[in-house]
Amino acid sequence: MSVAYYDLIKDITTRVHTEIKTNLNYDVKYSNSNPPKAANSLWIRSSVTLGDTLQVSIGSNPRFRTVGILNLQVFGVLGKGEKEALEAAQACATLFRGISIGSTVYRSPSVTVKGRENKWYSLLVQCPFQHDSFKL
């Protein structure tokens, strides 16, 4: 078996929950959940986009590398200024910058100001990663 996509996404989501929701105390929603009904506090939507999986070694136990992006959309309250949302985006980017956890390596994140999105002020933190697995 090469890449177990469910397990990879679960591992990344668990780290998001631990680091952002528990340690930073931000409200985190996941790609399959609804946004908050009231627009009165900052929140973050987390999703994982998987890219290609390539074979990067040969032999009796070949290695496969899956690349992807952890997307963290930061939604700040309109009218409160951008400081709180930018600080949250920076904190998220710092958590996933240049670290290795198990077989997953996180590269340098980027922060993009998206601007107004419905009743929110939005920024997007994109954390590229690569995950290596072995065929059994």
N, C-alpha and C. Protein backbone atom coordinates (compact mmCIF):
# COMPACT_ATOMS: atom_id res chain seq x y z
N MET A 1 0.85 -1.18 0.00
CA MET A 1 0.00 0.00 0.00
C MET A 1 0.89 1.23 0.00
N SER A 2 0.60 2.19 -0.85
CA SER A 2 1.43 3.39 -0.87
C SER A 2 0.84 4.43 0.08
N VAL A 3 0.25 5.46 -0.42
CA VAL A 3 -0.23 6.56 0.41
C VAL A 3 -1.63 6.26 0.91
N ALA A 4 -1.84 6.42 2.21
CA ALA A 4 -3.17 6.34 2.79
C ALA A 4 -3.67 7.78 2.95
N TYR A 5 -4.42 8.26 1.96
CA TYR A 5 -4.81 9.66 1.93
C TYR A 5 -5.62 10.06 3.16
N TYR A 6 -6.53 9.20 3.58
CA TYR A 6 -7.33 9.51 4.76
C TYR A 6 -6.43 9.73 5.97
N ASP A 7 -5.46 8.84 6.18
CA ASP A 7 -4.56 8.96 7.33
C ASP A 7 -3.72 10.22 7.25
N LEU A 8 -3.27 10.59 6.07
CA LEU A 8 -2.48 11.80 5.89
C LEU A 8 -3.30 13.03 6.25
N ILE A 9 -4.50 13.12 5.72
CA ILE A 9 -5.37 14.27 6.02
C ILE A 9 -5.73 14.29 7.50
N LYS A 10 -5.99 13.12 8.07
CA LYS A 10 -6.31 13.04 9.50
C LYS A 10 -5.13 13.54 10.34
N ASP A 11 -3.91 13.15 10.00
CA ASP A 11 -2.73 13.60 10.75
C ASP A 11 -2.57 15.12 10.67
N ILE A 12 -2.76 15.69 9.50
CA ILE A 12 -2.64 17.13 9.33
C ILE A 12 -3.75 17.85 10.10
N THR A 13 -4.97 17.35 10.00
CA THR A 13 -6.10 17.95 10.69
C THR A 13 -5.93 17.87 12.21
N THR A 14 -5.37 16.78 12.69
CA THR A 14 -5.11 16.63 14.12
C THR A 14 -4.11 17.68 14.59
N ARG A 15 -3.09 17.93 13.79
CA ARG A 15 -2.12 18.97 14.15
C ARG A 15 -2.77 20.35 14.16
N VAL A 16 -3.60 20.63 13.17
CA VAL A 16 -4.33 21.91 13.14
C VAL A 16 -5.16 22.06 14.41
N HIS A 17 -5.89 21.01 14.76
CA HIS A 17 -6.73 21.07 15.96
C HIS A 17 -5.90 21.33 17.21
N THR A 18 -4.79 20.59 17.35
CA THR A 18 -3.95 20.73 18.54
C THR A 18 -3.30 22.10 18.61
N GLU A 19 -2.68 22.52 17.53
CA GLU A 19 -1.90 23.75 17.56
C GLU A 19 -2.75 25.02 17.47
N ILE A 20 -3.74 25.02 16.59
CA ILE A 20 -4.49 26.26 16.36
C ILE A 20 -5.71 26.37 17.26
N LYS A 21 -6.48 25.29 17.35
CA LYS A 21 -7.70 25.36 18.16
C LYS A 21 -7.39 25.27 19.65
N THR A 22 -6.55 24.33 20.03
CA THR A 22 -6.27 24.13 21.46
C THR A 22 -5.24 25.11 21.98
N ASN A 23 -4.08 25.21 21.33
CA ASN A 23 -3.00 26.05 21.87
C ASN A 23 -3.19 27.54 21.60
N LEU A 24 -3.65 27.91 20.40
CA LEU A 24 -3.85 29.34 20.09
C LEU A 24 -5.26 29.80 20.44
N ASN A 25 -6.16 28.87 20.67
CA ASN A 25 -7.53 29.15 21.08
C ASN A 25 -8.35 29.89 20.02
N TYR A 26 -8.14 29.55 18.75
CA TYR A 26 -8.95 30.09 17.67
C TYR A 26 -10.04 29.08 17.31
N ASP A 27 -11.20 29.58 16.95
CA ASP A 27 -12.29 28.72 16.50
C ASP A 27 -11.92 28.18 15.11
N VAL A 28 -11.85 26.86 14.98
CA VAL A 28 -11.47 26.24 13.71
C VAL A 28 -12.65 25.44 13.17
N LYS A 29 -12.96 25.69 11.92
CA LYS A 29 -13.96 24.91 11.20
C LYS A 29 -13.23 24.15 10.11
N TYR A 30 -13.77 23.01 9.74
CA TYR A 30 -13.13 22.18 8.72
C TYR A 30 -13.93 22.26 7.43
N SER A 31 -13.37 21.78 6.34
CA SER A 31 -13.95 22.00 5.02
C SER A 31 -15.38 21.48 4.88
N ASN A 32 -15.77 20.54 5.71
CA ASN A 32 -17.12 19.98 5.60
C ASN A 32 -18.07 20.50 6.68
N SER A 33 -17.72 21.63 7.32
CA SER A 33 -18.61 22.19 8.35
C SER A 33 -19.03 23.60 7.97
N ASN A 34 -20.10 24.06 8.59
CA ASN A 34 -20.65 25.37 8.29
C ASN A 34 -19.91 26.47 9.05
N PRO A 35 -19.85 27.67 8.48
CA PRO A 35 -19.24 28.80 9.21
C PRO A 35 -20.13 29.21 10.37
N PRO A 36 -19.59 29.98 11.30
CA PRO A 36 -20.42 30.46 12.41
C PRO A 36 -21.55 31.35 11.87
N LYS A 37 -22.69 31.33 12.56
CA LYS A 37 -23.83 32.13 12.12
C LYS A 37 -23.62 33.61 12.44
N ALA A 38 -23.02 33.89 13.56
CA ALA A 38 -22.79 35.28 13.96
C ALA A 38 -21.39 35.72 13.53
N ALA A 39 -21.29 36.92 13.00
CA ALA A 39 -20.01 37.46 12.54
C ALA A 39 -19.40 38.34 13.62
N ASN A 40 -19.15 37.74 14.80
CA ASN A 40 -18.67 38.56 15.90
C ASN A 40 -17.32 38.15 16.47
N SER A 41 -16.68 37.13 15.88
CA SER A 41 -15.34 36.76 16.34
C SER A 41 -14.57 36.06 15.23
N LEU A 42 -13.27 36.17 15.30
CA LEU A 42 -12.37 35.58 14.31
C LEU A 42 -12.51 34.06 14.31
N TRP A 43 -12.41 33.46 13.12
CA TRP A 43 -12.41 32.01 13.01
C TRP A 43 -11.57 31.61 11.80
N ILE A 44 -11.22 30.32 11.75
CA ILE A 44 -10.34 29.80 10.71
C ILE A 44 -10.95 28.55 10.09
N ARG A 45 -10.95 28.51 8.75
CA ARG A 45 -11.39 27.30 8.04
C ARG A 45 -10.16 26.56 7.55
N SER A 46 -10.09 25.27 7.87
CA SER A 46 -8.96 24.43 7.50
C SER A 46 -9.38 23.42 6.45
N SER A 47 -8.55 23.30 5.40
CA SER A 47 -8.77 22.27 4.39
C SER A 47 -7.42 21.82 3.85
N VAL A 48 -7.39 20.63 3.30
CA VAL A 48 -6.16 20.08 2.74
C VAL A 48 -6.40 19.78 1.27
N THR A 49 -5.50 20.28 0.42
CA THR A 49 -5.54 19.99 -1.01
C THR A 49 -4.37 19.07 -1.33
N LEU A 50 -4.68 17.87 -1.79
CA LEU A 50 -3.64 16.92 -2.16
C LEU A 50 -3.26 17.10 -3.62
N GLY A 51 -1.96 17.02 -3.89
CA GLY A 51 -1.47 17.11 -5.25
C GLY A 51 -1.06 15.75 -5.76
N ASP A 52 -0.05 15.73 -6.58
CA ASP A 52 0.42 14.48 -7.19
C ASP A 52 1.18 13.62 -6.19
N THR A 53 1.14 12.32 -6.44
CA THR A 53 2.00 11.37 -5.76
C THR A 53 2.94 10.78 -6.80
N LEU A 54 4.23 10.89 -6.53
CA LEU A 54 5.24 10.40 -7.45
C LEU A 54 6.12 9.37 -6.78
N GLN A 55 6.58 8.40 -7.53
CA GLN A 55 7.55 7.44 -7.01
C GLN A 55 8.92 8.11 -7.05
N VAL A 56 9.60 8.15 -5.88
CA VAL A 56 10.88 8.86 -5.82
C VAL A 56 12.06 7.94 -5.56
N SER A 57 11.81 6.65 -5.41
CA SER A 57 12.91 5.68 -5.31
C SER A 57 12.43 4.34 -5.88
N ILE A 58 13.39 3.49 -6.22
CA ILE A 58 13.04 2.19 -6.78
C ILE A 58 13.60 1.11 -5.87
N GLY A 59 13.33 -0.12 -6.21
CA GLY A 59 13.81 -1.24 -5.43
C GLY A 59 12.66 -2.03 -4.86
N SER A 60 12.98 -2.90 -3.90
CA SER A 60 11.95 -3.77 -3.33
C SER A 60 11.00 -3.02 -2.41
N ASN A 61 11.39 -1.85 -1.94
CA ASN A 61 10.54 -1.05 -1.05
C ASN A 61 10.55 0.40 -1.53
N PRO A 62 9.91 0.69 -2.68
CA PRO A 62 9.98 2.03 -3.24
C PRO A 62 9.28 3.08 -2.37
N ARG A 63 9.79 4.30 -2.47
CA ARG A 63 9.24 5.42 -1.71
C ARG A 63 8.38 6.27 -2.64
N PHE A 64 7.26 6.75 -2.10
CA PHE A 64 6.34 7.59 -2.84
C PHE A 64 6.22 8.92 -2.11
N ARG A 65 6.17 10.01 -2.86
CA ARG A 65 6.06 11.35 -2.28
C ARG A 65 4.77 12.00 -2.75
N THR A 66 3.95 12.40 -1.80
CA THR A 66 2.72 13.13 -2.08
C THR A 66 2.93 14.57 -1.67
N VAL A 67 2.60 15.48 -2.55
CA VAL A 67 2.68 16.91 -2.22
C VAL A 67 1.27 17.45 -2.04
N GLY A 68 1.18 18.54 -1.31
CA GLY A 68 -0.13 19.15 -1.10
C GLY A 68 0.01 20.49 -0.42
N ILE A 69 -1.14 21.06 -0.10
CA ILE A 69 -1.19 22.36 0.57
C ILE A 69 -2.22 22.29 1.68
N LEU A 70 -1.80 22.73 2.85
CA LEU A 70 -2.73 22.96 3.96
C LEU A 70 -3.21 24.40 3.80
N ASN A 71 -4.52 24.56 3.61
CA ASN A 71 -5.12 25.89 3.45
C ASN A 71 -5.78 26.30 4.76
N LEU A 72 -5.40 27.45 5.27
CA LEU A 72 -6.00 28.00 6.48
C LEU A 72 -6.57 29.36 6.13
N GLN A 73 -7.89 29.44 5.99
CA GLN A 73 -8.55 30.70 5.70
C GLN A 73 -8.89 31.38 7.02
N VAL A 74 -8.33 32.55 7.22
CA VAL A 74 -8.57 33.32 8.44
C VAL A 74 -9.67 34.33 8.14
N PHE A 75 -10.72 34.31 8.94
CA PHE A 75 -11.84 35.23 8.77
C PHE A 75 -11.93 36.14 9.98
N GLY A 76 -11.67 37.43 9.75
CA GLY A 76 -11.78 38.43 10.81
C GLY A 76 -13.09 39.18 10.69
N VAL A 77 -13.47 39.81 11.77
CA VAL A 77 -14.71 40.58 11.82
C VAL A 77 -14.53 41.88 11.04
N LEU A 78 -15.45 42.16 10.11
CA LEU A 78 -15.40 43.42 9.36
C LEU A 78 -15.54 44.60 10.31
N GLY A 79 -14.80 45.63 10.05
CA GLY A 79 -14.90 46.84 10.85
C GLY A 79 -13.99 46.86 12.06
N LYS A 80 -13.29 45.77 12.33
CA LYS A 80 -12.37 45.74 13.48
C LYS A 80 -10.93 46.01 13.07
N GLY A 81 -10.71 46.27 11.79
CA GLY A 81 -9.35 46.45 11.30
C GLY A 81 -8.75 45.10 10.95
N GLU A 82 -7.57 45.16 10.37
CA GLU A 82 -6.97 43.92 9.89
C GLU A 82 -5.94 43.34 10.85
N LYS A 83 -5.61 44.04 11.93
CA LYS A 83 -4.53 43.60 12.82
C LYS A 83 -4.79 42.20 13.40
N GLU A 84 -5.97 41.98 13.95
CA GLU A 84 -6.27 40.69 14.59
C GLU A 84 -6.16 39.54 13.58
N ALA A 85 -6.70 39.75 12.38
CA ALA A 85 -6.65 38.70 11.35
C ALA A 85 -5.22 38.45 10.88
N LEU A 86 -4.45 39.53 10.69
CA LEU A 86 -3.05 39.37 10.28
C LEU A 86 -2.22 38.68 11.35
N GLU A 87 -2.46 38.99 12.61
CA GLU A 87 -1.74 38.31 13.69
C GLU A 87 -2.09 36.84 13.74
N ALA A 88 -3.36 36.50 13.52
CA ALA A 88 -3.76 35.09 13.50
C ALA A 88 -3.12 34.37 12.31
N ALA A 89 -3.10 35.01 11.15
CA ALA A 89 -2.48 34.41 9.96
C ALA A 89 -0.98 34.18 10.20
N GLN A 90 -0.33 35.17 10.80
CA GLN A 90 1.11 35.03 11.09
C GLN A 90 1.36 33.89 12.08
N ALA A 91 0.52 33.78 13.10
CA ALA A 91 0.68 32.71 14.09
C ALA A 91 0.52 31.34 13.43
N CYS A 92 -0.46 31.22 12.53
CA CYS A 92 -0.68 29.95 11.82
C CYS A 92 0.50 29.62 10.92
N ALA A 93 0.98 30.61 10.18
CA ALA A 93 2.11 30.39 9.28
C ALA A 93 3.35 29.95 10.07
N THR A 94 3.57 30.56 11.21
CA THR A 94 4.73 30.22 12.04
C THR A 94 4.68 28.77 12.51
N LEU A 95 3.48 28.29 12.85
CA LEU A 95 3.33 26.92 13.35
C LEU A 95 3.72 25.87 12.32
N PHE A 96 3.58 26.19 11.03
CA PHE A 96 3.81 25.21 9.97
C PHE A 96 5.00 25.55 9.09
N ARG A 97 5.87 26.43 9.55
CA ARG A 97 7.01 26.87 8.73
C ARG A 97 8.22 25.99 8.99
N GLY A 98 8.68 25.30 7.94
CA GLY A 98 9.95 24.59 7.98
C GLY A 98 10.07 23.53 9.06
N ILE A 99 9.02 22.74 9.26
CA ILE A 99 9.09 21.69 10.28
C ILE A 99 8.83 20.33 9.65
N SER A 100 9.30 19.30 10.32
CA SER A 100 9.04 17.92 9.93
C SER A 100 8.31 17.23 11.06
N ILE A 101 7.23 16.56 10.72
CA ILE A 101 6.48 15.77 11.70
C ILE A 101 6.28 14.40 11.08
N GLY A 102 6.96 13.42 11.64
CA GLY A 102 6.91 12.09 11.06
C GLY A 102 7.47 12.12 9.65
N SER A 103 6.68 11.66 8.69
CA SER A 103 7.11 11.63 7.29
C SER A 103 6.60 12.83 6.49
N THR A 104 6.09 13.84 7.19
CA THR A 104 5.57 15.03 6.52
C THR A 104 6.48 16.22 6.79
N VAL A 105 6.88 16.88 5.71
CA VAL A 105 7.73 18.07 5.80
C VAL A 105 6.91 19.26 5.33
N TYR A 106 6.82 20.29 6.17
CA TYR A 106 6.12 21.52 5.81
C TYR A 106 7.14 22.54 5.32
N ARG A 107 6.85 23.17 4.21
CA ARG A 107 7.73 24.17 3.62
C ARG A 107 7.34 25.56 4.11
N SER A 108 7.76 26.59 3.42
CA SER A 108 7.50 27.97 3.84
C SER A 108 6.09 28.41 3.42
N PRO A 109 5.24 28.76 4.39
CA PRO A 109 3.88 29.19 4.08
C PRO A 109 3.85 30.59 3.45
N SER A 110 2.75 30.88 2.77
CA SER A 110 2.50 32.22 2.25
C SER A 110 1.19 32.73 2.84
N VAL A 111 1.10 34.04 2.98
CA VAL A 111 -0.12 34.69 3.46
C VAL A 111 -0.60 35.65 2.38
N THR A 112 -1.85 35.49 1.98
CA THR A 112 -2.45 36.34 0.94
C THR A 112 -3.68 37.02 1.52
N VAL A 113 -3.73 38.34 1.39
CA VAL A 113 -4.92 39.08 1.80
C VAL A 113 -5.96 38.92 0.70
N LYS A 114 -7.10 38.36 1.06
CA LYS A 114 -8.19 38.16 0.10
C LYS A 114 -9.19 39.32 0.15
N GLY A 115 -9.27 39.99 1.29
CA GLY A 115 -10.20 41.12 1.43
C GLY A 115 -11.56 40.67 1.92
N ARG A 116 -12.54 41.48 1.58
CA ARG A 116 -13.90 41.23 2.05
C ARG A 116 -14.49 39.98 1.40
N GLU A 117 -15.06 39.11 2.23
CA GLU A 117 -15.75 37.92 1.75
C GLU A 117 -17.04 37.79 2.55
N ASN A 118 -18.15 38.17 1.92
CA ASN A 118 -19.45 38.24 2.59
C ASN A 118 -19.34 39.16 3.80
N LYS A 119 -19.56 38.65 5.00
CA LYS A 119 -19.52 39.49 6.19
C LYS A 119 -18.19 39.39 6.94
N TRP A 120 -17.14 38.96 6.24
CA TRP A 120 -15.84 38.75 6.88
C TRP A 120 -14.72 39.45 6.12
N TYR A 121 -13.61 39.67 6.82
CA TYR A 121 -12.36 40.10 6.21
C TYR A 121 -11.49 38.86 6.15
N SER A 122 -10.99 38.48 4.97
CA SER A 122 -10.39 37.16 4.77
C SER A 122 -8.92 37.23 4.36
N LEU A 123 -8.15 36.33 4.94
CA LEU A 123 -6.76 36.09 4.54
C LEU A 123 -6.60 34.60 4.31
N LEU A 124 -5.67 34.23 3.45
CA LEU A 124 -5.41 32.82 3.18
C LEU A 124 -3.96 32.49 3.48
N VAL A 125 -3.77 31.52 4.37
CA VAL A 125 -2.45 31.00 4.69
C VAL A 125 -2.32 29.67 3.97
N GLN A 126 -1.33 29.55 3.09
CA GLN A 126 -1.12 28.30 2.37
C GLN A 126 0.21 27.70 2.81
N CYS A 127 0.13 26.48 3.35
CA CYS A 127 1.30 25.79 3.89
C CYS A 127 1.58 24.57 3.01
N PRO A 128 2.55 24.68 2.09
CA PRO A 128 2.87 23.53 1.25
C PRO A 128 3.57 22.43 2.07
N PHE A 129 3.31 21.20 1.70
CA PHE A 129 3.94 20.06 2.41
C PHE A 129 4.26 18.95 1.43
N GLN A 130 5.11 18.05 1.89
CA GLN A 130 5.34 16.80 1.17
C GLN A 130 5.35 15.69 2.19
N HIS A 131 4.83 14.56 1.77
CA HIS A 131 4.71 13.40 2.66
C HIS A 131 5.29 12.19 1.93
N ASP A 132 6.20 11.50 2.58
CA ASP A 132 6.80 10.30 2.00
C ASP A 132 6.20 9.05 2.64
N SER A 133 5.94 8.07 1.81
CA SER A 133 5.45 6.78 2.28
C SER A 133 6.13 5.67 1.48
N PHE A 134 6.05 4.47 2.00
CA PHE A 134 6.71 3.33 1.37
C PHE A 134 5.69 2.28 0.99
N LYS A 135 5.93 1.64 -0.14
CA LYS A 135 5.07 0.54 -0.56
C LYS A 135 5.46 -0.68 0.26
N LEU A 136 4.47 -1.32 0.81
CA LEU A 136 4.71 -2.51 1.64
C LEU A 136 4.76 -3.75 0.81
